[in-house]
PDB file of N, CA and C in Angstrom:
ATOM      1  N   MET A   1       5.198  -8.828 -11.134  1.00  0.00           N
ATOM      2  CA  MET A   1       5.074 -10.587 -11.521  1.00  0.00           C
ATOM      3  C   MET A   1       6.016 -11.185 -10.698  1.00  0.00           C
ATOM      4  N   ARG A   2       5.574 -12.181 -10.191  1.00  0.00           N
ATOM      5  CA  ARG A   2       6.116 -13.373  -9.209  1.00  0.00           C
ATOM      6  C   ARG A   2       6.392 -14.841  -9.917  1.00  0.00           C
ATOM      7  N   GLY A   3       7.905 -14.656 -10.593  1.00  0.00           N
ATOM      8  CA  GLY A   3       8.036 -16.258 -10.994  1.00  0.00           C
ATOM      9  C   GLY A   3       7.334 -16.473 -12.325  1.00  0.00           C
ATOM     10  N   ARG A   4       7.436 -17.658 -12.285  1.00  0.00           N
ATOM     11  CA  ARG A   4       6.699 -18.286 -13.818  1.00  0.00           C
ATOM     12  C   ARG A   4       5.081 -18.443 -13.390  1.00  0.00           C
ATOM     13  N   ASP A   5       4.658 -19.034 -12.335  1.00  0.00           N
ATOM     14  CA  ASP A   5       3.292 -18.826 -11.949  1.00  0.00           C
ATOM     15  C   ASP A   5       2.704 -17.698 -11.750  1.00  0.00           C
ATOM     16  N   GLN A   6       3.265 -16.305 -11.495  1.00  0.00           N
ATOM     17  CA  GLN A   6       2.692 -14.920 -11.313  1.00  0.00           C
ATOM     18  C   GLN A   6       1.899 -14.936 -10.587  1.00  0.00           C
ATOM     19  N   GLY A   7       1.648 -15.639  -9.396  1.00  0.00           N
ATOM     20  CA  GLY A   7       0.451 -15.354  -8.435  1.00  0.00           C
ATOM     21  C   GLY A   7      -0.988 -15.229  -9.239  1.00  0.00           C
ATOM     22  N   ALA A   8      -1.905 -14.437  -8.313  1.00  0.00           N
ATOM     23  CA  ALA A   8      -3.273 -14.912  -8.470  1.00  0.00           C
ATOM     24  C   ALA A   8      -3.804 -14.777  -9.852  1.00  0.00           C
ATOM     25  N   VAL A   9      -2.984 -13.793 -10.594  1.00  0.00           N
ATOM     26  CA  VAL A   9      -2.681 -13.039 -11.847  1.00  0.00           C
ATOM     27  C   VAL A   9      -2.957 -14.344 -12.834  1.00  0.00           C
ATOM     28  N   GLY A  10      -1.436 -15.332 -12.852  1.00  0.00           N
ATOM     29  CA  GLY A  10      -1.326 -16.478 -12.834  1.00  0.00           C
ATOM     30  C   GLY A  10      -2.375 -17.383 -13.076  1.00  0.00           C
ATOM     31  N   ALA A  11      -3.250 -17.577 -11.623  1.00  0.00           N
ATOM     32  CA  ALA A  11      -3.860 -18.211 -11.209  1.00  0.00           C
ATOM     33  C   ALA A  11      -5.929 -18.068 -11.899  1.00  0.00           C
ATOM     34  N   ARG A  12      -5.852 -16.883 -12.108  1.00  0.00           N
ATOM     35  CA  ARG A  12      -7.009 -16.554 -12.707  1.00  0.00           C
ATOM     36  C   ARG A  12      -6.924 -16.356 -14.296  1.00  0.00           C
ATOM     37  N   ALA A  13      -5.424 -16.584 -14.929  1.00  0.00           N
ATOM     38  CA  ALA A  13      -5.477 -16.881 -16.178  1.00  0.00           C
ATOM     39  C   ALA A  13      -5.406 -18.468 -16.605  1.00  0.00           C
ATOM     40  N   HIS A  14      -5.292 -19.355 -15.798  1.00  0.00           N
ATOM     41  CA  HIS A  14      -5.320 -20.556 -15.679  1.00  0.00           C
ATOM     42  C   HIS A  14      -6.917 -21.432 -15.844  1.00  0.00           C
ATOM     43  N   LEU A  15      -7.999 -20.356 -14.883  1.00  0.00           N
ATOM     44  CA  LEU A  15      -9.011 -20.302 -14.465  1.00  0.00           C
ATOM     45  C   LEU A  15      -9.571 -19.713 -15.770  1.00  0.00           C
ATOM     46  N   ALA A  16      -9.455 -18.490 -16.724  1.00  0.00           N
ATOM     47  CA  ALA A  16     -10.029 -18.232 -18.153  1.00  0.00           C
ATOM     48  C   ALA A  16      -9.556 -19.580 -19.172  1.00  0.00           C
ATOM     49  N   ALA A  17      -8.633 -20.037 -19.391  1.00  0.00           N
ATOM     50  CA  ALA A  17      -8.279 -21.149 -20.118  1.00  0.00           C
ATOM     51  C   ALA A  17      -8.516 -22.532 -19.731  1.00  0.00           C
ATOM     52  N   GLY A  18      -9.829 -22.547 -18.479  1.00  0.00           N
ATOM     53  CA  GLY A  18     -10.040 -23.884 -18.525  1.00  0.00           C
ATOM     54  C   GLY A  18      -9.005 -25.090 -17.698  1.00  0.00           C
ATOM     55  N   ARG A  19      -8.739 -24.522 -16.950  1.00  0.00           N
ATOM     56  CA  ARG A  19      -7.526 -24.838 -16.118  1.00  0.00           C
ATOM     57  C   ARG A  19      -7.778 -25.012 -14.983  1.00  0.00           C
ATOM     58  N   PRO A  20      -8.333 -25.645 -13.975  1.00  0.00           N
ATOM     59  CA  PRO A  20      -8.853 -25.236 -12.663  1.00  0.00           C
ATOM     60  C   PRO A  20      -7.811 -25.755 -11.768  1.00  0.00           C
ATOM     61  N   ALA A  21      -7.387 -26.872 -11.692  1.00  0.00           N
ATOM     62  CA  ALA A  21      -6.108 -27.886 -11.120  1.00  0.00           C
ATOM     63  C   ALA A  21      -5.248 -26.871 -10.991  1.00  0.00           C
ATOM     64  N   GLU A  22      -4.660 -26.427 -12.078  1.00  0.00           N
ATOM     65  CA  GLU A  22      -3.078 -25.839 -12.018  1.00  0.00           C
ATOM     66  C   GLU A  22      -3.727 -24.375 -11.287  1.00  0.00           C
ATOM     67  N   ALA A  23      -5.012 -23.540 -11.628  1.00  0.00           N
ATOM     68  CA  ALA A  23      -5.188 -22.601 -11.484  1.00  0.00           C
ATOM     69  C   ALA A  23      -5.472 -22.759  -9.564  1.00  0.00           C
ATOM     70  N   ALA A  24      -5.821 -23.660  -9.139  1.00  0.00           N
ATOM     71  CA  ALA A  24      -6.214 -23.792  -7.717  1.00  0.00           C
ATOM     72  C   ALA A  24      -4.613 -24.186  -6.954  1.00  0.00           C
ATOM     73  N   ARG A  25      -3.621 -25.105  -7.384  1.00  0.00           N
ATOM     74  CA  ARG A  25      -2.421 -25.323  -7.311  1.00  0.00           C
ATOM     75  C   ARG A  25      -1.698 -23.736  -6.901  1.00  0.00           C
ATOM     76  N   ILE A  26      -1.852 -23.307  -8.130  1.00  0.00           N
ATOM     77  CA  ILE A  26      -0.463 -21.457  -8.119  1.00  0.00           C
ATOM     78  C   ILE A  26      -1.447 -20.690  -6.782  1.00  0.00           C
ATOM     79  N   ALA A  27      -3.042 -20.814  -6.815  1.00  0.00           N
ATOM     80  CA  ALA A  27      -3.525 -19.836  -6.105  1.00  0.00           C
ATOM     81  C   ALA A  27      -3.283 -20.138  -4.654  1.00  0.00           C
ATOM     82  N   ALA A  28      -3.370 -21.332  -4.072  1.00  0.00           N
ATOM     83  CA  ALA A  28      -3.266 -21.892  -2.725  1.00  0.00           C
ATOM     84  C   ALA A  28      -1.289 -21.416  -2.423  1.00  0.00           C
ATOM     85  N   ALA A  29      -0.467 -21.893  -3.545  1.00  0.00           N
ATOM     86  CA  ALA A  29       0.866 -21.171  -2.783  1.00  0.00           C
ATOM     87  C   ALA A  29       0.658 -19.368  -2.735  1.00  0.00           C
ATOM     88  N   GLU A  30       0.498 -19.235  -4.038  1.00  0.00           N
ATOM     89  CA  GLU A  30      -0.010 -17.226  -3.388  1.00  0.00           C
ATOM     90  C   GLU A  30      -0.594 -17.088  -2.393  1.00  0.00           C
ATOM     91  N   ALA A  31      -1.654 -17.738  -2.112  1.00  0.00           N
ATOM     92  CA  ALA A  31      -2.204 -17.319  -0.610  1.00  0.00           C
ATOM     93  C   ALA A  31      -1.439 -17.517   0.631  1.00  0.00           C
ATOM     94  N   ALA A  32      -0.289 -18.733   0.277  1.00  0.00           N
ATOM     95  CA  ALA A  32       0.948 -19.092   1.702  1.00  0.00           C
ATOM     96  C   ALA A  32       1.846 -18.189   1.301  1.00  0.00           C
ATOM     97  N   ARG A  33       2.091 -17.635   0.157  1.00  0.00           N
ATOM     98  CA  ARG A  33       3.458 -16.939   0.339  1.00  0.00           C
ATOM     99  C   ARG A  33       3.090 -15.516   0.935  1.00  0.00           C
ATOM    100  N   ALA A  34       1.810 -15.119   0.518  1.00  0.00           N
ATOM    101  CA  ALA A  34       1.311 -13.894   0.776  1.00  0.00           C
ATOM    102  C   ALA A  34       0.897 -13.929   2.300  1.00  0.00           C
ATOM    103  N   HIS A  35       0.455 -14.937   2.641  1.00  0.00           N
ATOM    104  CA  HIS A  35       0.354 -14.679   4.445  1.00  0.00           C
ATOM    105  C   HIS A  35       1.184 -14.706   4.919  1.00  0.00           C
ATOM    106  N   ALA A  36       2.397 -15.691   4.312  1.00  0.00           N
ATOM    107  CA  ALA A  36       3.881 -15.266   5.440  1.00  0.00           C
ATOM    108  C   ALA A  36       4.709 -14.285   5.281  1.00  0.00           C
ATOM    109  N   SER A  37       4.256 -13.565   4.296  1.00  0.00           N
ATOM    110  CA  SER A  37       5.029 -11.867   4.029  1.00  0.00           C
ATOM    111  C   SER A  37       4.037 -10.549   4.468  1.00  0.00           C
ATOM    112  N   GLY A  38       2.829 -11.276   4.675  1.00  0.00           N
ATOM    113  CA  GLY A  38       1.877 -10.032   5.437  1.00  0.00           C
ATOM    114  C   GLY A  38       1.074  -9.593   4.438  1.00  0.00           C
ATOM    115  N   GLU A  39       1.365  -9.895   2.982  1.00  0.00           N
ATOM    116  CA  GLU A  39       0.598  -9.341   2.226  1.00  0.00           C
ATOM    117  C   GLU A  39      -0.796  -9.178   2.203  1.00  0.00           C
ATOM    118  N   ARG A  40      -1.475  -9.006   2.602  1.00  0.00           N
ATOM    119  CA  ARG A  40      -2.955  -9.029   2.889  1.00  0.00           C
ATOM    120  C   ARG A  40      -3.655  -9.053   1.524  1.00  0.00           C
ATOM    121  N   LEU A  41      -3.807  -7.785   1.109  1.00  0.00           N
ATOM    122  CA  LEU A  41      -4.220  -7.749  -0.476  1.00  0.00           C
ATOM    123  C   LEU A  41      -4.071  -8.987  -1.010  1.00  0.00           C
ATOM    124  N   ALA A  42      -2.655  -9.174  -1.557  1.00  0.00           N
ATOM    125  CA  ALA A  42      -2.147 -10.113  -2.550  1.00  0.00           C
ATOM    126  C   ALA A  42      -2.744 -11.411  -1.990  1.00  0.00           C
ATOM    127  N   GLU A  43      -3.046 -11.952  -0.353  1.00  0.00           N
ATOM    128  CA  GLU A  43      -3.049 -12.845  -0.152  1.00  0.00           C
ATOM    129  C   GLU A  43      -5.033 -12.964  -0.594  1.00  0.00           C
ATOM    130  N   THR A  44      -5.810 -11.822  -0.087  1.00  0.00           N
ATOM    131  CA  THR A  44      -7.307 -12.081  -0.630  1.00  0.00           C
ATOM    132  C   THR A  44      -7.469 -12.242  -1.892  1.00  0.00           C
ATOM    133  N   GLU A  45      -6.968 -11.706  -2.770  1.00  0.00           N
ATOM    134  CA  GLU A  45      -6.754 -11.943  -4.514  1.00  0.00           C
ATOM    135  C   GLU A  45      -6.367 -13.808  -4.243  1.00  0.00           C
ATOM    136  N   ALA A  46      -5.410 -13.879  -3.731  1.00  0.00           N
ATOM    137  CA  ALA A  46      -4.842 -15.370  -4.545  1.00  0.00           C
ATOM    138  C   ALA A  46      -6.504 -15.940  -3.737  1.00  0.00           C
ATOM    139  N   LEU A  47      -6.944 -16.210  -2.730  1.00  0.00           N
ATOM    140  CA  LEU A  47      -7.996 -17.205  -2.065  1.00  0.00           C
ATOM    141  C   LEU A  47      -9.112 -16.618  -2.518  1.00  0.00           C
ATOM    142  N   ILE A  48      -9.380 -15.431  -3.658  1.00  0.00           N
ATOM    143  CA  ILE A  48     -10.634 -15.895  -4.407  1.00  0.00           C
ATOM    144  C   ILE A  48     -10.769 -16.370  -5.079  1.00  0.00           C
ATOM    145  N   ALA A  49      -9.277 -16.256  -5.573  1.00  0.00           N
ATOM    146  CA  ALA A  49      -8.574 -17.273  -7.261  1.00  0.00           C
ATOM    147  C   ALA A  49      -8.974 -18.558  -7.023  1.00  0.00           C
ATOM    148  N   HIS A  50      -8.770 -19.326  -5.723  1.00  0.00           N
ATOM    149  CA  HIS A  50      -8.274 -20.397  -5.407  1.00  0.00           C
ATOM    150  C   HIS A  50     -10.155 -20.840  -4.945  1.00  0.00           C
ATOM    151  N   ALA A  51     -10.714 -19.857  -4.520  1.00  0.00           N
ATOM    152  CA  ALA A  51     -12.193 -20.227  -4.318  1.00  0.00           C
ATOM    153  C   ALA A  51     -12.899 -20.728  -5.479  1.00  0.00           C
ATOM    154  N   THR A  52     -12.419 -19.497  -6.083  1.00  0.00           N
ATOM    155  CA  THR A  52     -13.204 -19.648  -7.989  1.00  0.00           C
ATOM    156  C   THR A  52     -12.903 -21.421  -8.323  1.00  0.00           C
ATOM    157  N   ALA A  53     -11.287 -21.684  -8.321  1.00  0.00           N
ATOM    158  CA  ALA A  53     -11.031 -22.733  -8.778  1.00  0.00           C
ATOM    159  C   ALA A  53     -11.479 -24.214  -8.360  1.00  0.00           C
ATOM    160  N   ALA A  54     -11.575 -24.196  -7.015  1.00  0.00           N
ATOM    161  CA  ALA A  54     -12.295 -24.893  -5.744  1.00  0.00           C
ATOM    162  C   ALA A  54     -13.357 -25.204  -6.815  1.00  0.00           C
ATOM    163  N   THR A  55     -13.743 -24.600  -6.700  1.00  0.00           N
ATOM    164  CA  THR A  55     -15.640 -24.394  -6.890  1.00  0.00           C
ATOM    165  C   THR A  55     -15.843 -25.508  -8.026  1.00  0.00           C
ATOM    166  N   ARG A  56     -14.929 -24.861  -9.027  1.00  0.00           N
ATOM    167  CA  ARG A  56     -14.745 -25.364 -10.303  1.00  0.00           C
ATOM    168  C   ARG A  56     -14.520 -26.750 -10.373  1.00  0.00           C
ATOM    169  N   LEU A  57     -13.906 -27.613  -9.492  1.00  0.00           N
ATOM    170  CA  LEU A  57     -13.104 -28.724  -9.518  1.00  0.00           C
ATOM    171  C   LEU A  57     -13.995 -29.151  -8.240  1.00  0.00           C
ATOM    172  N   GLY A  58     -15.271 -28.785  -8.265  1.00  0.00           N
ATOM    173  CA  GLY A  58     -16.335 -29.297  -7.277  1.00  0.00           C
ATOM    174  C   GLY A  58     -15.864 -29.771  -6.001  1.00  0.00           C
ATOM    175  N   ASP A  59     -14.952 -29.178  -5.292  1.00  0.00           N
ATOM    176  CA  ASP A  59     -14.266 -29.189  -3.774  1.00  0.00           C
ATOM    177  C   ASP A  59     -14.905 -27.825  -2.834  1.00  0.00           C
ATOM    178  N   ASP A  60     -16.028 -28.108  -2.577  1.00  0.00           N
ATOM    179  CA  ASP A  60     -17.001 -27.289  -1.750  1.00  0.00           C
ATOM    180  C   ASP A  60     -16.505 -26.656  -0.548  1.00  0.00           C
ATOM    181  N   ALA A  61     -15.630 -28.048   0.409  1.00  0.00           N
ATOM    182  CA  ALA A  61     -15.189 -28.048   1.617  1.00  0.00           C
ATOM    183  C   ALA A  61     -13.885 -26.209   1.844  1.00  0.00           C
ATOM    184  N   THR A  62     -13.255 -26.885   0.335  1.00  0.00           N
ATOM    185  CA  THR A  62     -11.784 -26.082   0.051  1.00  0.00           C
ATOM    186  C   THR A  62     -12.321 -24.373  -0.708  1.00  0.00           C
ATOM    187  N   ALA A  63     -13.203 -24.461  -0.853  1.00  0.00           N
ATOM    188  CA  ALA A  63     -14.108 -23.294  -1.580  1.00  0.00           C
ATOM    189  C   ALA A  63     -14.489 -22.225  -0.680  1.00  0.00           C
ATOM    190  N   ARG A  64     -15.359 -22.823   0.105  1.00  0.00           N
ATOM    191  CA  ARG A  64     -16.226 -22.075   1.323  1.00  0.00           C
ATOM    192  C   ARG A  64     -14.945 -21.868   2.595  1.00  0.00           C
ATOM    193  N   THR A  65     -13.860 -22.401   2.380  1.00  0.00           N
ATOM    194  CA  THR A  65     -12.728 -21.851   3.529  1.00  0.00           C
ATOM    195  C   THR A  65     -12.279 -20.875   3.177  1.00  0.00           C
ATOM    196  N   ALA A  66     -11.522 -20.883   1.874  1.00  0.00           N
ATOM    197  CA  ALA A  66     -10.661 -19.978   0.882  1.00  0.00           C
ATOM    198  C   ALA A  66     -11.824 -18.468   1.052  1.00  0.00           C
ATOM    199  N   ARG A  67     -12.883 -18.577   0.631  1.00  0.00           N
ATOM    200  CA  ARG A  67     -14.088 -17.413   0.596  1.00  0.00           C
ATOM    201  C   ARG A  67     -14.024 -16.792   1.667  1.00  0.00           C
ATOM    202  N   THR A  68     -14.085 -18.078   3.200  1.00  0.00           N
ATOM    203  CA  THR A  68     -14.293 -17.297   4.534  1.00  0.00           C
ATOM    204  C   THR A  68     -13.214 -16.607   4.764  1.00  0.00           C
ATOM    205  N   ARG A  69     -11.905 -16.930   4.337  1.00  0.00           N
ATOM    206  CA  ARG A  69     -10.700 -16.528   5.045  1.00  0.00           C
ATOM    207  C   ARG A  69     -10.847 -14.949   4.096  1.00  0.00           C
ATOM    208  N   ALA A  70     -11.374 -14.944   2.497  1.00  0.00           N
ATOM    209  CA  ALA A  70     -11.012 -13.865   2.284  1.00  0.00           C
ATOM    210  C   ALA A  70     -11.686 -12.918   2.334  1.00  0.00           C
ATOM    211  N   ASP A  71     -12.887 -13.155   3.038  1.00  0.00           N
ATOM    212  CA  ASP A  71     -14.090 -12.101   3.131  1.00  0.00           C
ATOM    213  C   ASP A  71     -13.337 -11.635   4.637  1.00  0.00           C
ATOM    214  N   HIS A  72     -12.718 -12.476   5.307  1.00  0.00           N
ATOM    215  CA  HIS A  72     -12.353 -12.215   6.541  1.00  0.00           C
ATOM    216  C   HIS A  72     -11.520 -10.763   6.533  1.00  0.00           C
ATOM    217  N   LEU A  73     -10.507 -11.083   5.768  1.00  0.00           N
ATOM    218  CA  LEU A  73      -9.546 -10.206   5.435  1.00  0.00           C
ATOM    219  C   LEU A  73      -9.618  -8.867   4.607  1.00  0.00           C
ATOM    220  N   THR A  74     -10.512  -9.221   3.580  1.00  0.00           N
ATOM    221  CA  THR A  74     -11.119  -7.945   2.762  1.00  0.00           C
ATOM    222  C   THR A  74     -11.784  -6.823   3.919  1.00  0.00           C
ATOM    223  N   ARG A  75     -12.617  -7.526   4.668  1.00  0.00           N
ATOM    224  CA  ARG A  75     -13.137  -6.720   5.819  1.00  0.00           C
ATOM    225  C   ARG A  75     -12.420  -5.871   6.879  1.00  0.00           C
ATOM    226  N   THR A  76     -10.980  -6.239   6.924  1.00  0.00           N
ATOM    227  CA  THR A  76     -10.089  -5.815   7.804  1.00  0.00           C
ATOM    228  C   THR A  76      -9.497  -4.889   6.855  1.00  0.00           C
ATOM    229  N   LEU A  77      -9.128  -5.133   5.830  1.00  0.00           N
ATOM    230  CA  LEU A  77      -8.162  -4.105   5.145  1.00  0.00           C
ATOM    231  C   LEU A  77      -8.304  -2.740   6.015  1.00  0.00           C
ATOM    232  N   PRO A  78      -7.338  -1.947   6.367  1.00  0.00           N
ATOM    233  CA  PRO A  78      -7.483  -0.460   6.120  1.00  0.00           C
ATOM    234  C   PRO A  78      -7.509   0.487   5.187  1.00  0.00           C
ATOM    235  N   TYR A  79      -7.895  -0.142   4.330  1.00  0.00           N
ATOM    236  CA  TYR A  79      -8.298   1.277   3.094  1.00  0.00           C
ATOM    237  C   TYR A  79      -9.004   1.044   2.033  1.00  0.00           C
ATOM    238  N   PRO A  80      -9.444   1.481   0.883  1.00  0.00           N
ATOM    239  CA  PRO A  80     -10.434   1.273   0.296  1.00  0.00           C
ATOM    240  C   PRO A  80     -11.204  -0.028  -0.094  1.00  0.00           C
ATOM    241  N   PRO A  81     -10.351  -1.040  -0.645  1.00  0.00           N
ATOM    242  CA  PRO A  81     -10.853  -2.433  -0.651  1.00  0.00           C
ATOM    243  C   PRO A  81     -11.789  -2.842   0.832  1.00  0.00           C
ATOM    244  N   GLY A  82     -11.313  -2.503   2.140  1.00  0.00           N
ATOM    245  CA  GLY A  82     -11.667  -2.856   3.302  1.00  0.00           C
ATOM    246  C   GLY A  82     -13.016  -2.202   3.110  1.00  0.00           C
ATOM    247  N   THR A  83     -13.290  -1.039   2.448  1.00  0.00           N
ATOM    248  CA  THR A  83     -14.696  -0.751   2.993  1.00  0.00           C
ATOM    249  C   THR A  83     -16.560  -1.164   2.921  1.00  0.00           C
ATOM    250  N   PRO A  84     -16.599  -0.948   3.982  1.00  0.00           N
ATOM    251  CA  PRO A  84     -17.818  -1.572   4.175  1.00  0.00           C
ATOM    252  C   PRO A  84     -18.829  -2.392   2.958  1.00  0.00           C
ATOM    253  N   GLY A  85     -19.058  -3.536   2.177  1.00  0.00           N
ATOM    254  CA  GLY A  85     -20.030  -3.668   1.248  1.00  0.00           C
ATOM    255  C   GLY A  85     -18.971  -3.748   0.023  1.00  0.00           C
ATOM    256  N   SER A  86     -17.422  -4.214   0.284  1.00  0.00           N
ATOM    257  CA  SER A  86     -16.563  -4.124  -0.797  1.00  0.00           C
ATOM    258  C   SER A  86     -16.256  -5.279  -1.061  1.00  0.00           C
ATOM    259  N   SER A  87     -16.744  -6.395  -0.179  1.00  0.00           N
ATOM    260  CA  SER A  87     -16.074  -7.734  -0.097  1.00  0.00           C
ATOM    261  C   SER A  87     -16.483  -8.253  -1.459  1.00  0.00           C
ATOM    262  N   PRO A  88     -16.332  -9.138  -2.598  1.00  0.00           N
ATOM    263  CA  PRO A  88     -17.034  -9.688  -3.278  1.00  0.00           C
ATOM    264  C   PRO A  88     -17.052 -11.076  -3.027  1.00  0.00           C
ATOM    265  N   CYS A  89     -16.638 -11.464  -1.645  1.00  0.00           N
ATOM    266  CA  CYS A  89     -16.964 -12.825  -0.642  1.00  0.00           C
ATOM    267  C   CYS A  89     -18.341 -12.386  -0.186  1.00  0.00           C
ATOM    268  N   THR A  90     -18.536 -11.236  -0.216  1.00  0.00           N
ATOM    269  CA  THR A  90     -19.847 -11.004   0.446  1.00  0.00           C
ATOM    270  C   THR A  90     -21.375 -11.233  -0.575  1.00  0.00           C
ATOM    271  N   ARG A  91     -20.829 -11.067  -1.498  1.00  0.00           N
ATOM    272  CA  ARG A  91     -22.388 -10.740  -2.426  1.00  0.00           C
ATOM    273  C   ARG A  91     -22.429 -12.567  -2.989  1.00  0.00           C
ATOM    274  N   SER A  92     -23.708 -12.462  -3.448  1.00  0.00           N
ATOM    275  CA  SER A  92     -23.934 -13.974  -4.289  1.00  0.00           C
ATOM    276  C   SER A  92     -23.789 -13.879  -5.320  1.00  0.00           C
ATOM    277  N   TRP A  93     -23.074 -14.566  -6.087  1.00  0.00           N
ATOM    278  CA  TRP A  93     -22.835 -14.853  -7.157  1.00  0.00           C
ATOM    279  C   TRP A  93     -23.416 -15.791  -8.287  1.00  0.00           C
ATOM    280  N   ARG A  94     -24.182 -15.338  -8.756  1.00  0.00           N
ATOM    281  CA  ARG A  94     -25.563 -15.906  -9.707  1.00  0.00           C
ATOM    282  C   ARG A  94     -24.519 -17.454 -10.727  1.00  0.00           C
ATOM    283  N   THR A  95     -23.777 -17.078 -10.728  1.00  0.00           N
ATOM    284  CA  THR A  95     -22.930 -18.199 -11.988  1.00  0.00           C
ATOM    285  C   THR A  95     -21.395 -17.745 -11.637  1.00  0.00           C
ATOM    286  N   ASP A  96     -20.982 -19.278 -11.723  1.00  0.00           N
ATOM    287  CA  ASP A  96     -19.176 -19.661 -11.557  1.00  0.00           C
ATOM    288  C   ASP A  96     -18.754 -18.304 -12.707  1.00  0.00           C
ATOM    289  N   SER A  97     -19.720 -18.590 -13.565  1.00  0.00           N
ATOM    290  CA  SER A  97     -18.944 -17.844 -14.436  1.00  0.00           C
ATOM    291  C   SER A  97     -18.897 -15.932 -14.130  1.00  0.00           C
ATOM    292  N   GLU A  98     -19.883 -15.509 -13.449  1.00  0.00           N
ATOM    293  CA  GLU A  98     -20.171 -13.907 -13.244  1.00  0.00           C
ATOM    294  C   GLU A  98     -18.836 -13.557 -12.384  1.00  0.00           C
ATOM    295  N   HIS A  99     -18.416 -14.704 -11.236  1.00  0.00           N
ATOM    296  CA  HIS A  99     -17.183 -14.836 -10.365  1.00  0.00           C
ATOM    297  C   HIS A  99     -16.124 -14.645 -11.014  1.00  0.00           C
ATOM    298  N   VAL A 100     -15.880 -15.011 -12.258  1.00  0.00           N
ATOM    299  CA  VAL A 100     -14.460 -15.083 -12.789  1.00  0.00           C
ATOM    300  C   VAL A 100     -14.673 -14.317 -13.843  1.00  0.00           C
ATOM    301  N   TRP A 101     -15.874 -13.176 -14.769  1.00  0.00           N
ATOM    302  CA  TRP A 101     -15.948 -11.964 -15.043  1.00  0.00           C
ATOM    303  C   TRP A 101     -15.484 -11.416 -14.019  1.00  0.00           C
ATOM    304  N   TRP A 102     -15.921 -11.179 -12.947  1.00  0.00           N
ATOM    305  CA  TRP A 102     -15.770 -10.117 -11.948  1.00  0.00           C
ATOM    306  C   TRP A 102     -14.038  -9.873 -11.381  1.00  0.00           C
ATOM    307  N   LEU A 103     -13.416 -11.019 -11.500  1.00  0.00           N
ATOM    308  CA  LEU A 103     -11.907 -11.665 -11.236  1.00  0.00           C
ATOM    309  C   LEU A 103     -11.356 -11.123 -12.700  1.00  0.00           C
ATOM    310  N   LEU A 104     -11.819 -11.532 -13.287  1.00  0.00           N
ATOM    311  CA  LEU A 104     -10.768 -10.969 -14.806  1.00  0.00           C
ATOM    312  C   LEU A 104     -11.161  -9.590 -15.127  1.00  0.00           C
ATOM    313  N   ARG A 105     -12.128  -8.668 -14.705  1.00  0.00           N
ATOM    314  CA  ARG A 105     -12.140  -6.898 -15.008  1.00  0.00           C
ATOM    315  C   ARG A 105     -11.103  -5.886 -14.155  1.00  0.00           C
ATOM    316  N   ARG A 106     -10.565  -7.038 -13.013  1.00  0.00           N
ATOM    317  CA  ARG A 106      -9.787  -6.641 -12.322  1.00  0.00           C
ATOM    318  C   ARG A 106      -8.303  -6.342 -12.731  1.00  0.00           C
ATOM    319  N   VAL A 107      -8.094  -7.681 -13.647  1.00  0.00           N
ATOM    320  CA  VAL A 107      -6.854  -7.581 -13.694  1.00  0.00           C
ATOM    321  C   VAL A 107      -6.099  -6.398 -14.661  1.00  0.00           C
TER     322      VAL A 107
END
């Protein structure tokens, strides 16, 4: 875990607690940190959390950008998370809560 905010896990916890603004802040910071250090899987997780938080906040443009970046990263990962069809971003989520459930069961 990284510091007080604990990266994507911390963002998902804030989402589960109904604090999407805090989740968005943490997820965006974690995505930037992971991107700068080349941690593609951590960046992907943070982008998915950021997209979910942005969706809850009604910021469709930010959510779409984060989902697109996460989808690209997921498709290019050289190990099992990058296998065809594994990207959570390519699935059509019926509800925001279904997406959050998927994120939380991965913790």
